[in-house]
Protein backbone atom coordinates (compact mmCIF):
# COMPACT_ATOMS: atom_id res chain seq x y z
CA MET A 1 239.47 -222.19 51.82
CA SER A 2 238.29 -225.79 50.98
CA SER A 3 238.73 -228.86 53.01
CA ASN A 4 241.80 -229.89 51.23
CA GLY A 5 243.54 -226.48 51.79
CA SER A 6 243.09 -225.00 48.33
CA THR A 7 241.88 -221.38 48.10
CA ARG A 8 238.59 -220.65 46.16
CA ALA A 9 238.11 -217.31 44.51
CA SER A 10 235.18 -215.23 45.66
CA PRO A 11 232.42 -214.92 43.03
CA ASP A 12 231.99 -211.49 41.32
CA PRO A 13 228.30 -210.38 41.63
CA VAL A 14 228.71 -208.46 38.49
CA THR A 15 229.32 -211.46 36.30
CA THR A 16 227.76 -214.16 38.40
CA ASP A 17 224.03 -214.92 38.43
CA TRP A 18 224.03 -216.50 41.94
CA VAL A 19 226.30 -215.54 44.82
CA PRO A 20 226.58 -217.93 47.82
CA ILE A 21 226.04 -216.21 51.18
CA GLY A 22 226.86 -219.36 53.24
CA PRO A 23 225.09 -222.36 54.74
CA PRO A 24 221.80 -222.01 56.65
CA GLY A 25 222.55 -221.07 60.26
CA PRO A 26 225.98 -219.53 60.49
CA GLY A 27 225.83 -217.76 57.07
CA VAL A 28 222.33 -216.31 57.42
CA PRO A 29 221.54 -214.21 60.43
CA ALA A 30 218.52 -215.20 62.40
CA GLY A 31 215.29 -213.19 62.47
CA GLY A 32 213.88 -210.93 59.71
CA THR A 33 210.36 -210.12 58.93
CA GLN A 34 208.29 -210.49 55.76
CA GLY A 35 209.39 -207.94 53.14
CA GLN A 36 212.80 -207.52 54.60
CA ALA A 37 216.04 -208.53 52.79
CA LEU A 38 219.66 -209.37 53.57
CA ILE A 39 221.80 -206.22 53.38
CA LYS A 40 225.41 -205.52 54.05
CA LYS A 41 226.16 -204.64 57.72
CA THR A 42 229.79 -203.79 57.26
CA GLY A 43 232.41 -203.92 54.44
CA THR A 44 233.54 -207.40 55.67
CA ASP A 45 232.71 -210.24 53.31
CA TYR A 46 229.37 -212.04 54.22
CA ASP A 47 228.67 -209.74 57.19
CA LEU A 48 224.91 -209.49 56.63
CA GLN A 49 221.79 -208.31 58.49
CA TRP A 50 218.12 -208.15 57.98
CA GLY A 51 216.72 -204.73 56.87
CA ASN A 52 214.45 -202.90 54.50
CA ALA A 53 215.02 -203.96 50.87
CA GLY A 54 214.85 -200.30 49.75
CA ALA A 55 212.37 -197.77 48.51
CA ASP A 56 209.40 -198.61 46.38
CA LEU A 57 209.84 -197.16 42.92
CA ILE A 58 206.91 -194.91 41.94
CA TYR A 59 206.70 -193.28 38.50
CA ASP A 60 204.93 -189.84 38.87
CA GLY A 61 205.33 -188.59 35.32
CA ASP A 62 206.10 -184.92 34.79
CA TYR A 63 207.50 -182.96 37.83
CA ALA A 64 205.02 -180.68 39.43
CA SER A 65 205.94 -178.07 41.99
CA GLY A 66 204.26 -178.17 45.30
CA PRO A 67 204.32 -181.66 46.69
CA THR A 68 207.14 -183.24 48.76
CA TYR A 69 208.64 -186.09 46.94
CA LYS A 70 209.89 -189.25 48.71
CA ASP A 71 212.72 -191.66 48.18
CA GLY A 72 212.09 -193.84 45.15
CA GLU A 73 209.73 -191.52 43.31
CA ILE A 74 210.58 -190.93 39.70
CA VAL A 75 209.82 -187.81 37.71
CA VAL A 76 210.53 -186.35 34.27
CA TYR A 77 211.91 -182.81 34.30
CA ASN A 78 213.13 -180.90 31.19
CA GLY A 79 213.07 -184.17 29.23
CA VAL A 80 215.21 -186.11 31.73
CA ALA A 81 214.01 -188.79 34.26
CA TYR A 82 215.21 -188.32 37.87
CA ILE A 83 214.72 -190.62 40.87
CA CYS A 84 214.26 -188.96 44.25
CA THR A 85 216.89 -190.12 46.87
CA MET A 86 215.57 -188.10 49.97
CA PRO A 87 212.43 -186.12 50.79
CA THR A 88 212.42 -182.83 48.89
CA SER A 89 210.09 -180.26 47.31
CA SER A 90 212.81 -178.75 45.14
CA PRO A 91 212.95 -179.54 41.35
CA PRO A 92 215.63 -181.82 40.04
CA SER A 93 218.91 -180.44 38.74
CA ALA A 94 221.74 -181.84 36.60
CA TRP A 95 224.69 -183.39 38.44
CA PRO A 96 227.70 -181.15 38.44
CA GLY A 97 230.37 -182.70 36.19
CA GLY A 98 227.94 -185.16 34.66
CA PRO A 99 227.81 -185.95 31.03
CA PRO A 100 225.70 -183.57 28.97
CA VAL A 101 222.11 -184.62 28.50
CA THR A 102 220.98 -185.17 24.97
CA GLN A 103 217.75 -183.45 24.50
CA PRO A 104 215.10 -184.62 22.03
CA PRO A 105 215.28 -182.77 18.77
CA ALA A 106 213.89 -179.29 18.66
CA THR A 107 210.81 -179.98 16.49
CA VAL A 108 207.22 -179.30 16.99
CA THR A 109 205.93 -181.83 19.61
CA GLY A 110 202.29 -180.86 19.80
CA TYR A 111 199.38 -178.79 18.56
CA GLY A 112 196.62 -177.59 20.89
CA THR A 113 194.95 -174.89 22.96
CA SER A 114 197.31 -175.19 25.88
CA LEU A 115 201.00 -175.42 26.30
CA PRO A 116 202.92 -178.42 27.80
CA ALA A 117 203.05 -178.33 31.67
CA SER A 118 206.71 -179.58 31.89
CA PRO A 119 208.56 -178.24 28.81
CA TYR A 120 212.22 -178.87 28.03
CA ASP A 121 214.63 -176.46 26.57
CA GLY A 122 214.17 -176.15 22.82
CA GLN A 123 210.86 -177.76 22.73
CA GLU A 124 208.55 -176.27 20.16
CA TYR A 125 204.74 -176.19 20.22
CA VAL A 126 201.94 -174.69 18.09
CA LEU A 127 199.36 -172.86 20.24
CA VAL A 128 195.87 -172.36 18.72
CA ASP A 129 192.48 -171.24 19.86
CA SER A 130 190.77 -174.19 18.30
CA VAL A 131 192.13 -177.55 16.89
CA THR A 132 189.22 -177.87 14.50
CA ASN A 133 188.85 -174.30 13.18
CA PRO A 134 191.70 -172.06 14.49
CA THR A 135 191.75 -168.30 13.91
CA TYR A 136 195.50 -168.11 14.73
CA GLN A 137 198.45 -170.52 14.86
CA TRP A 138 201.35 -169.47 17.07
CA ARG A 139 204.60 -171.47 16.83
CA LEU A 140 206.58 -171.12 20.03
CA ARG A 141 209.94 -172.32 21.40
CA TYR A 142 210.75 -172.96 25.05
CA ASN A 143 213.85 -171.15 26.20
CA ALA A 144 214.85 -172.56 29.53
CA GLY A 145 217.88 -170.17 29.82
CA SER A 146 215.70 -167.06 29.50
CA SER A 147 215.75 -164.62 32.53
CA SER A 148 212.23 -163.73 31.80
CA THR A 149 209.16 -165.36 33.41
CA TYR A 150 207.78 -165.82 29.94
CA LYS A 151 209.98 -168.55 28.38
CA TRP A 152 207.78 -169.51 25.44
CA GLU A 153 209.12 -167.36 22.59
CA PHE A 154 207.19 -166.74 19.38
CA ILE A 155 209.06 -167.84 16.32
CA GLY A 156 206.36 -167.78 13.57
CA GLY A 157 202.66 -168.11 12.71
CA ALA A 158 199.61 -166.19 11.93
CA PRO A 159 198.45 -163.40 14.36
CA ALA A 160 195.04 -163.23 15.86
CA GLU A 161 193.13 -160.70 13.71
CA VAL A 162 189.62 -159.17 13.86
CA LEU A 163 188.22 -156.82 11.19
CA SER A 164 185.09 -154.67 11.60
CA THR A 165 184.03 -152.94 8.34
CA ASP A 166 181.14 -150.87 9.52
CA GLN A 167 181.41 -147.07 10.00
CA VAL A 168 180.77 -145.83 13.42
CA SER A 169 180.66 -142.32 14.87
CA VAL A 170 183.21 -141.20 17.44
CA PRO A 171 181.82 -138.78 20.04
CA VAL A 172 184.03 -135.94 21.37
CA GLY A 173 186.51 -137.31 23.86
CA TRP A 174 187.74 -140.91 24.57
CA ASN A 175 185.66 -143.90 23.45
CA VAL A 176 186.21 -147.59 23.17
CA THR A 177 184.67 -149.24 20.12
CA ALA A 178 182.46 -152.27 20.51
CA ALA A 179 184.50 -154.11 17.92
CA PRO A 180 187.05 -155.32 17.20
CA ARG A 181 188.18 -157.06 20.39
CA ILE A 182 190.54 -159.93 21.07
CA THR A 183 190.91 -161.93 24.34
CA VAL A 184 194.43 -163.04 24.96
CA PRO A 185 194.86 -166.71 26.05
CA ARG A 186 197.96 -166.49 28.36
CA ASN A 187 200.01 -164.18 30.51
CA GLY A 188 202.84 -162.64 28.42
CA GLU A 189 204.13 -159.95 26.25
CA TYR A 190 202.22 -159.31 22.94
CA SER A 191 202.66 -157.03 19.92
CA VAL A 192 199.45 -155.15 19.05
CA GLU A 193 198.53 -153.30 15.82
CA THR A 194 195.55 -151.39 14.70
CA ASN A 195 194.55 -149.94 11.34
CA VAL A 196 191.54 -147.66 10.78
CA TYR A 197 189.86 -145.40 8.09
CA VAL A 198 189.16 -141.93 9.58
CA TRP A 199 186.42 -139.41 8.53
CA PRO A 200 186.73 -136.04 10.21
CA GLY A 201 183.57 -134.22 11.04
CA ALA A 202 185.30 -130.80 10.84
CA VAL A 203 188.65 -129.40 10.98
CA GLY A 204 190.22 -130.89 14.11
CA ASN A 205 191.81 -134.25 14.87
CA VAL A 206 191.03 -137.82 15.64
CA VAL A 207 193.38 -139.90 17.90
CA TYR A 208 193.14 -143.65 18.12
CA ALA A 209 194.94 -146.17 20.25
CA HIS A 210 194.87 -149.69 21.43
CA GLY A 211 195.14 -151.07 24.89
CA PRO A 212 193.69 -153.57 27.42
CA TRP A 213 189.97 -152.70 27.72
CA THR A 214 188.65 -152.72 31.26
CA ALA A 215 185.75 -150.27 31.22
CA ALA A 216 183.94 -148.50 28.36
CA GLY A 217 185.32 -145.11 27.72
CA ALA A 218 188.47 -145.67 29.84
CA GLN A 219 191.23 -143.46 28.60
CA PRO A 220 194.35 -145.61 27.63
CA ALA A 221 197.94 -144.49 28.10
CA VAL A 222 198.88 -142.94 24.80
CA GLY A 223 202.54 -143.19 23.70
CA ALA A 224 204.14 -145.43 21.07
CA ASN A 225 200.81 -147.32 20.87
CA ALA A 226 198.87 -144.33 19.49
CA ALA A 227 198.66 -142.42 16.29
CA THR A 228 197.31 -138.80 15.77
CA ALA A 229 195.39 -137.88 12.57
CA ASN A 230 195.78 -134.01 12.24
CA VAL A 231 192.67 -133.27 10.09
CA ALA A 232 192.98 -130.49 7.51
CA ALA A 233 189.97 -131.52 5.43
CA GLY A 234 186.50 -130.09 5.94
CA PRO A 235 183.42 -131.91 7.02
CA GLY A 236 182.98 -135.24 5.35
CA GLY A 237 186.59 -135.27 4.18
CA TYR A 238 188.35 -138.65 4.03
CA LEU A 239 191.68 -138.71 5.76
CA GLY A 240 192.85 -142.22 4.92
CA ILE A 241 194.26 -145.23 6.85
CA GLN A 242 196.00 -144.63 10.12
CA THR A 243 198.21 -147.25 11.75
CA ALA A 244 199.37 -147.68 15.41
CA ARG A 245 201.61 -150.40 16.73
CA ASP A 246 202.72 -151.33 20.32
CA PRO A 247 205.61 -153.88 19.74
CA ARG A 248 205.78 -155.22 23.33
CA ARG A 249 203.02 -154.91 26.01
CA PHE A 250 202.12 -157.14 28.95
CA PHE A 251 198.60 -158.64 29.02
CA SER A 252 197.10 -161.08 31.55
CA ALA A 253 195.34 -164.26 30.37
CA GLY A 254 191.73 -163.41 29.76
CA GLU A 255 192.33 -159.69 29.26
CA VAL A 256 190.44 -158.03 26.42
CA VAL A 257 192.43 -155.97 23.87
CA ALA A 258 190.22 -153.27 22.23
CA MET A 259 190.56 -150.23 20.02
CA PHE A 260 190.15 -146.81 21.68
CA CYS A 261 189.37 -143.67 19.64
CA TYR A 262 189.44 -139.99 20.55
CA ALA A 263 187.55 -137.27 18.66
CA GLY A 264 188.37 -133.64 19.08
CA VAL A 265 185.39 -132.37 17.19
CA ALA A 266 181.79 -133.68 16.83
CA GLY A 267 180.77 -135.60 13.67
CA SER A 268 183.91 -137.76 13.29
CA SER A 269 183.81 -141.42 12.45
CA VAL A 270 185.87 -144.43 11.79
CA ALA A 271 185.48 -147.61 9.67
CA ASN A 272 187.33 -150.71 8.47
CA ARG A 273 188.91 -151.16 11.95
CA ALA A 274 191.52 -153.96 12.03
CA LEU A 275 193.01 -155.26 15.33
CA ARG A 276 195.98 -157.71 15.29
CA VAL A 277 197.56 -159.50 18.29
CA GLN A 278 200.67 -161.55 18.18
CA PRO A 279 202.76 -162.97 21.07
CA VAL A 280 206.38 -161.97 21.71
CA ARG A 281 206.86 -164.41 24.54
CA LEU A 282 204.43 -166.19 26.86
CA GLY A 283 204.34 -167.82 30.21
């Protein structure tokens, strides 16, 4: 109320650049230290006290699991920026009942030898073994709603392929050929296919299969990933092309995929061996 008895409206801080807090002395509490600010003490108008102005804002970039985040730290998670309001090591989550978050368009966002560390749902990326001279190009889409550990799903591209044209003998029993071989770049599920020309040494059979090579001569598990060539021709007879395919098999990053061959009789050989590896979904 003014000195003449009229009532003055309180300023609205939303629409007013400057809001009076009172004359020096009675309107401003004594004390305070450098870096502090006036903050509300109660809901009563002009009831103020000195206190911390608030948390410093720190931008950390993409969210990373492991550290404990503090009040005021800002991270990006699934394409959305979040500010931390209390110490936590948990990842951000959408507010219940909040408006839907508009994600960036699901287009290819990059091309390289490693996948994004903090992908968002629907993000697409092309994974290659070399950006200057790639031997394969795998287009992947990140599916955040997948129940699998491997959320990067293959949607197109050229497989990794190695061809060995030389003819090599296959001793009796299980053998792993020196070539072709492919090293997988990431943990995940892969589709693997082999093609081979078979020359029987005598009436008998040749079995070939593919699998993760760990030791020369190690016998792989033979099932859907193997093909049996029952040889009816005599020595030197040409059987033709044999194909085997394993549509979904787990490999660890750095594991070597190779072709295994089995000969039931001496004198058998194989040639024009092709090995193809293509991801199904990756971690």
